[in-house]
Protein backbone atom coordinates (compact mmCIF):
# COMPACT_ATOMS: atom_id res chain seq x y z
CA MET A 1 -96.53 23.44 -57.50
CA LYS A 2 -94.07 20.78 -56.35
CA GLY A 3 -91.86 23.62 -55.11
CA LYS A 4 -94.65 25.00 -52.78
CA ARG A 5 -95.50 21.44 -51.57
CA PHE A 6 -91.79 20.94 -50.68
CA LEU A 7 -91.49 24.20 -48.80
CA ALA A 8 -94.77 23.36 -46.85
CA VAL A 9 -93.20 20.04 -45.91
CA VAL A 10 -90.02 21.63 -44.77
CA THR A 11 -91.86 24.33 -42.73
CA THR A 12 -94.11 21.79 -40.91
CA VAL A 13 -90.85 19.70 -40.02
CA ALA A 14 -89.38 22.78 -38.63
CA VAL A 15 -92.28 23.59 -36.57
CA LEU A 16 -92.58 20.17 -35.22
CA ALA A 17 -88.87 20.02 -34.35
CA ALA A 18 -89.33 23.34 -32.42
CA LEU A 19 -92.26 22.00 -30.49
CA VAL A 20 -90.31 18.74 -29.69
CA GLY A 21 -87.41 20.97 -28.53
CA ILE A 22 -89.69 22.98 -26.27
CA GLY A 23 -91.27 19.84 -24.91
CA LEU A 24 -87.92 18.29 -24.23
CA THR A 25 -86.63 21.47 -22.31
CA ALA A 26 -89.99 21.62 -20.29
CA VAL A 27 -89.84 17.77 -19.46
CA GLY A 28 -86.01 17.23 -19.24
CA VAL A 29 -84.10 14.07 -20.09
CA ALA A 30 -85.77 10.85 -19.69
CA GLY A 31 -89.18 12.71 -19.17
CA CYS A 32 -88.16 14.19 -15.76
CA ARG A 33 -88.95 17.78 -14.97
CA PRO A 34 -85.95 20.09 -14.39
CA LYS A 35 -84.76 20.39 -10.95
CA ALA A 36 -86.03 23.31 -9.06
CA GLN A 37 -83.45 25.91 -8.10
CA SER A 38 -82.33 25.41 -4.38
CA ILE A 39 -83.57 27.99 -1.84
CA TRP A 40 -80.24 27.40 0.18
CA SER A 41 -76.60 27.14 -0.16
CA ARG A 42 -73.38 27.11 1.73
CA PRO A 43 -71.60 30.59 1.63
CA ASP A 44 -67.83 31.01 1.09
CA PRO A 45 -66.39 31.47 4.71
CA ALA A 46 -63.94 33.93 3.30
CA GLY A 47 -66.83 36.24 1.89
CA LEU A 48 -68.90 36.38 5.09
CA PRO A 49 -70.10 39.74 6.46
CA ASP A 50 -68.46 40.66 9.67
CA GLU A 51 -71.58 40.66 11.56
CA VAL A 52 -72.19 36.83 10.56
CA ARG A 53 -68.45 35.91 11.25
CA GLN A 54 -68.85 37.57 14.80
CA TRP A 55 -72.08 35.69 15.36
CA VAL A 56 -70.39 32.26 14.37
CA GLU A 57 -67.37 32.96 16.67
CA MET A 58 -69.78 33.68 19.62
CA SER A 59 -71.87 30.80 18.96
CA LEU A 60 -69.27 28.02 18.93
CA PRO A 61 -69.57 27.51 22.72
CA LEU A 62 -73.25 26.63 22.38
CA ASP A 63 -74.90 23.39 21.27
CA ALA A 64 -77.88 25.03 19.34
CA GLY A 65 -79.56 25.85 15.85
CA GLN A 66 -79.96 29.59 15.14
CA ALA A 67 -81.48 31.76 12.37
CA LYS A 68 -80.34 35.33 11.72
CA ASN A 69 -81.85 37.65 9.09
CA ILE A 70 -79.36 39.73 7.21
CA GLY A 71 -80.36 41.68 4.23
CA GLU A 72 -82.84 39.78 2.06
CA GLY A 73 -81.58 36.29 3.31
CA THR A 74 -81.64 34.11 6.43
CA TYR A 75 -78.36 32.30 7.81
CA LEU A 76 -78.94 29.17 9.55
CA LEU A 77 -76.15 28.25 12.03
CA LEU A 78 -75.86 24.69 13.69
CA THR A 79 -73.31 24.55 16.35
CA SER A 80 -72.03 21.62 18.77
CA GLY A 81 -70.60 23.30 21.65
CA PRO A 82 -67.97 21.56 23.94
CA GLN A 83 -68.70 17.84 24.10
CA PRO A 84 -68.58 15.40 27.07
CA GLU A 85 -65.14 13.89 27.64
CA GLY A 86 -64.85 10.57 25.67
CA ALA A 87 -67.53 11.60 22.90
CA ALA A 88 -66.80 10.35 19.64
CA ALA A 89 -65.92 12.97 16.71
CA GLU A 90 -69.02 14.02 14.81
CA ILE A 91 -69.96 16.02 11.49
CA LEU A 92 -72.54 18.58 11.82
CA ASP A 93 -74.69 18.86 8.68
CA VAL A 94 -77.82 20.96 7.53
CA ALA A 95 -78.97 18.32 5.19
CA ARG A 96 -82.30 19.87 3.94
CA VAL A 97 -84.12 23.03 4.09
CA THR A 98 -87.79 22.71 3.21
CA PRO A 99 -90.04 25.68 2.49
CA GLY A 100 -93.55 26.13 3.39
CA GLY A 101 -94.59 29.56 2.46
CA GLN A 102 -92.42 31.89 4.45
CA ALA A 103 -91.76 29.20 7.02
CA ILE A 104 -88.86 26.67 6.56
CA THR A 105 -88.27 23.15 8.19
CA VAL A 106 -84.26 22.66 8.67
CA THR A 107 -83.41 18.99 8.72
CA VAL A 108 -79.96 18.29 10.32
CA LYS A 109 -77.58 15.27 10.74
CA TYR A 110 -75.16 14.44 13.51
CA THR A 111 -72.85 11.90 11.80
CA PRO A 112 -70.08 10.04 13.90
CA THR A 113 -66.87 9.73 11.74
CA PRO A 114 -65.73 6.32 11.14
CA SER A 115 -62.25 7.08 11.94
CA GLY A 116 -63.26 9.37 15.03
CA THR A 117 -61.67 8.39 18.38
CA ALA A 118 -63.42 8.64 21.82
CA GLY A 119 -62.53 11.99 23.32
CA SER A 120 -61.67 13.69 19.88
CA GLY A 121 -64.62 15.92 20.11
CA PRO A 122 -66.49 17.33 16.96
CA ALA A 123 -64.97 16.82 13.58
CA ARG A 124 -66.61 19.90 12.51
CA PRO A 125 -67.98 22.05 15.12
CA TYR A 126 -70.59 23.92 12.97
CA ASP A 127 -72.57 24.27 9.75
CA LEU A 128 -73.68 27.47 8.10
CA VAL A 129 -75.96 27.80 5.30
CA LEU A 130 -77.75 30.78 3.83
CA VAL A 131 -81.49 30.75 2.64
CA SER A 132 -82.59 32.98 -0.37
CA PHE A 133 -85.27 34.88 1.61
CA ALA A 134 -85.76 36.40 5.07
CA THR A 135 -87.89 34.48 7.57
CA THR A 136 -88.08 34.15 11.47
CA ASP A 137 -90.48 31.02 11.30
CA VAL A 138 -87.77 28.16 11.49
CA THR A 139 -88.31 24.69 12.72
CA TRP A 140 -85.40 22.42 13.37
CA VAL A 141 -85.60 18.60 13.18
CA VAL A 142 -82.96 15.83 13.31
CA ASP A 143 -82.68 13.35 10.52
CA GLY A 144 -83.72 9.71 11.63
CA ASN A 145 -84.56 10.94 15.20
CA PRO A 146 -87.78 12.91 15.48
CA ASN A 147 -87.51 12.78 19.40
CA LYS A 148 -83.79 14.62 19.35
CA HIS A 149 -84.37 18.37 20.19
CA VAL A 150 -82.21 20.94 18.54
CA MET A 151 -81.71 23.49 21.19
CA GLN A 152 -82.86 27.17 20.55
CA VAL A 153 -81.25 30.49 21.79
CA LEU A 154 -84.31 32.21 23.25
CA ASP A 155 -82.48 35.66 23.85
CA PRO A 156 -80.02 37.84 22.33
CA LEU A 157 -76.36 36.44 22.21
CA GLN A 158 -73.40 38.33 23.64
CA PRO A 159 -69.68 37.51 23.85
CA ILE A 160 -69.05 34.82 26.35
CA VAL A 161 -66.35 35.51 28.92
CA ALA A 162 -66.58 32.13 30.83
CA GLU A 163 -68.37 29.07 30.49
CA SER A 164 -69.13 25.47 31.50
CA ARG A 165 -71.04 23.05 29.32
CA TRP A 166 -74.65 24.35 30.26
CA ILE A 167 -73.92 27.74 31.71
CA LYS A 168 -72.36 30.70 29.56
CA LEU A 169 -71.48 33.67 31.25
CA PHE A 170 -71.68 37.25 29.66
CA THR A 171 -70.75 39.29 32.82
CA PRO A 172 -68.87 40.02 34.89
CA ALA A 173 -65.45 39.26 33.24
CA PRO A 174 -62.79 37.64 35.04
CA GLY A 175 -60.58 40.09 36.99
CA ALA A 176 -63.27 42.82 36.83
CA THR A 177 -63.31 45.56 39.58
CA LEU A 178 -66.73 45.96 40.66
CA SER A 179 -68.96 48.06 43.13
CA SER A 180 -72.23 47.00 44.60
CA PRO A 181 -74.54 46.20 43.20
CA PHE A 182 -72.92 44.37 40.06
CA THR A 183 -74.74 42.44 37.33
CA MET A 184 -74.40 38.92 36.50
CA SER A 185 -75.74 37.67 33.25
CA GLY A 186 -75.63 34.77 30.83
CA LEU A 187 -77.34 31.90 29.13
CA ALA A 188 -78.15 28.71 30.74
CA SER A 189 -80.00 25.31 30.09
CA VAL A 190 -80.14 23.70 33.36
CA PHE A 191 -82.63 21.77 35.69
CA GLU A 192 -85.76 23.82 36.02
CA GLY A 193 -83.95 26.78 34.53
CA THR A 194 -82.43 27.48 38.00
CA VAL A 195 -78.89 29.07 38.00
CA ASN A 196 -77.14 29.38 41.41
CA PHE A 197 -74.50 31.73 42.64
CA ARG A 198 -72.35 32.83 45.54
CA VAL A 199 -69.63 35.34 46.36
CA LEU A 200 -66.64 34.23 48.31
CA ASP A 201 -63.83 36.18 49.99
CA ALA A 202 -60.25 35.06 49.50
CA SER A 203 -60.42 32.54 52.50
CA GLY A 204 -63.47 30.90 51.03
CA GLN A 205 -66.25 32.55 53.22
CA ASP A 206 -69.46 33.93 52.21
CA ILE A 207 -69.63 37.45 51.22
CA VAL A 208 -72.90 36.81 49.42
CA PRO A 209 -74.68 33.50 50.25
CA ILE A 210 -75.94 31.13 47.77
CA GLY A 211 -78.82 32.91 45.57
CA TRP A 212 -80.44 32.13 42.26
CA SER A 213 -81.60 33.33 38.90
CA THR A 214 -83.75 31.77 36.05
CA GLY A 215 -82.54 30.83 32.73
CA ALA A 216 -84.15 27.95 30.77
CA MET A 217 -84.17 24.07 30.51
CA GLY A 218 -83.97 22.44 27.17
CA ASP A 219 -83.18 25.57 25.26
CA TRP A 220 -80.73 28.46 26.00
CA GLY A 221 -82.42 31.30 28.16
CA LEU A 222 -81.12 34.64 29.51
CA PHE A 223 -80.41 34.71 33.20
CA THR A 224 -79.56 37.85 35.01
CA LYS A 225 -79.15 39.21 38.47
CA ASP A 226 -78.14 42.40 40.06
CA ILE A 227 -75.95 41.15 43.18
CA GLU A 228 -75.37 43.56 46.18
CA TYR A 229 -72.80 42.75 48.69
CA VAL A 230 -71.38 44.31 52.17
CA LEU A 231 -67.74 43.68 52.74
CA PRO A 232 -66.76 42.64 56.27
CA ALA A 233 -64.58 44.90 58.26
CA GLY A 234 -60.68 44.33 57.47
CA LEU A 235 -61.49 42.71 54.05
CA VAL A 236 -60.44 45.64 51.87
CA ASP A 237 -56.68 45.89 51.14
CA PRO A 238 -55.72 49.45 52.26
CA ALA A 239 -53.20 49.61 49.50
CA SER A 240 -55.27 48.72 46.57
CA GLY A 241 -58.72 49.87 48.00
CA TRP A 242 -60.35 46.63 47.06
CA ALA A 243 -61.03 43.02 48.23
CA GLU A 244 -60.33 39.97 46.62
CA ALA A 245 -63.40 37.86 46.01
CA THR A 246 -64.58 34.87 43.75
CA LEU A 247 -68.22 34.57 42.15
CA GLU A 248 -69.23 30.96 41.67
CA VAL A 249 -71.89 30.08 39.06
CA PHE A 250 -73.28 26.94 39.02
CA TRP A 251 -76.52 24.48 39.08
CA ILE A 252 -77.39 22.09 41.91
CA SER A 253 -78.24 18.57 41.27
CA ALA A 254 -81.65 17.38 42.31
CA GLU A 255 -80.52 13.93 42.88
CA ASP A 256 -77.68 14.66 45.44
CA GLY A 257 -77.39 18.38 45.85
CA ALA A 258 -73.86 18.44 44.22
CA TYR A 259 -72.70 21.64 42.39
CA GLY A 260 -72.64 21.07 38.68
CA GLY A 261 -71.07 23.01 35.87
CA VAL A 262 -69.21 25.38 38.25
CA ILE A 263 -67.73 28.72 36.73
CA VAL A 264 -65.26 30.51 39.01
CA ILE A 265 -64.71 34.16 38.36
CA PRO A 266 -62.11 36.05 40.34
CA LEU A 267 -63.20 39.63 41.02
CA ARG A 268 -62.01 42.95 42.98
CA LEU A 269 -64.81 44.17 44.96
CA LEU A 270 -64.75 47.96 45.97
CA PRO A 271 -66.42 49.10 49.15
CA PRO A 272 -70.00 49.82 48.69
CA GLY A 273 -70.47 53.46 47.95
CA SER A 274 -67.21 53.75 46.22
């Protein structure tokens, strides 16, 4: 009888211990619930897919936040672009990624480095993280500064062949040999979205007077223009069969009419109909 009673006591103690163990596992140390598994991480740069690596390289000239779905995940890329002369060094950080269904809110930080000196540029020009599911519904916010805007890239990114701070040119490439019409394209974030251009001959005279295209303001938007030209008599070099010319791409200040962010592209223009 005593043996059975002892066995019952041992069994009860074992069951209670098991239940307590389960409770501790569920509740965690000091009564805290276990931390939920993070939905994002920083991938190893050495193991990035080629598509992601190329995307990062193309994006470095942009001050922007971007999202790219690859496979079952979403890469989030924050870049600083070229900084104004005299700007202090900064560290760019994706600080938090907060899910809301299939949408996410990305909180970012721009932290000046204590040892940064004026003109040293960004201490780290980009941050890249990977979210564990695919989404295109991404909201970017700046930690501690809800009024600061993280610029978006509104159109597909292409290799940038020339740039100023707020204009990034895709085509034409410097030194290209072109016929009429040729296409000018790129991304811009300028006043009222207006991107201006003109084509000059070797002496600085107009081949194409000032024209315009539309990009974006506050975000990066595509501008594109098919530029037609006529070459004045005697401009074409008989030996080469083309004329030296320069494409200038810029924006015009609303305050004083000055040209801002001028990009100068040397070109070789063939006679129309060539």
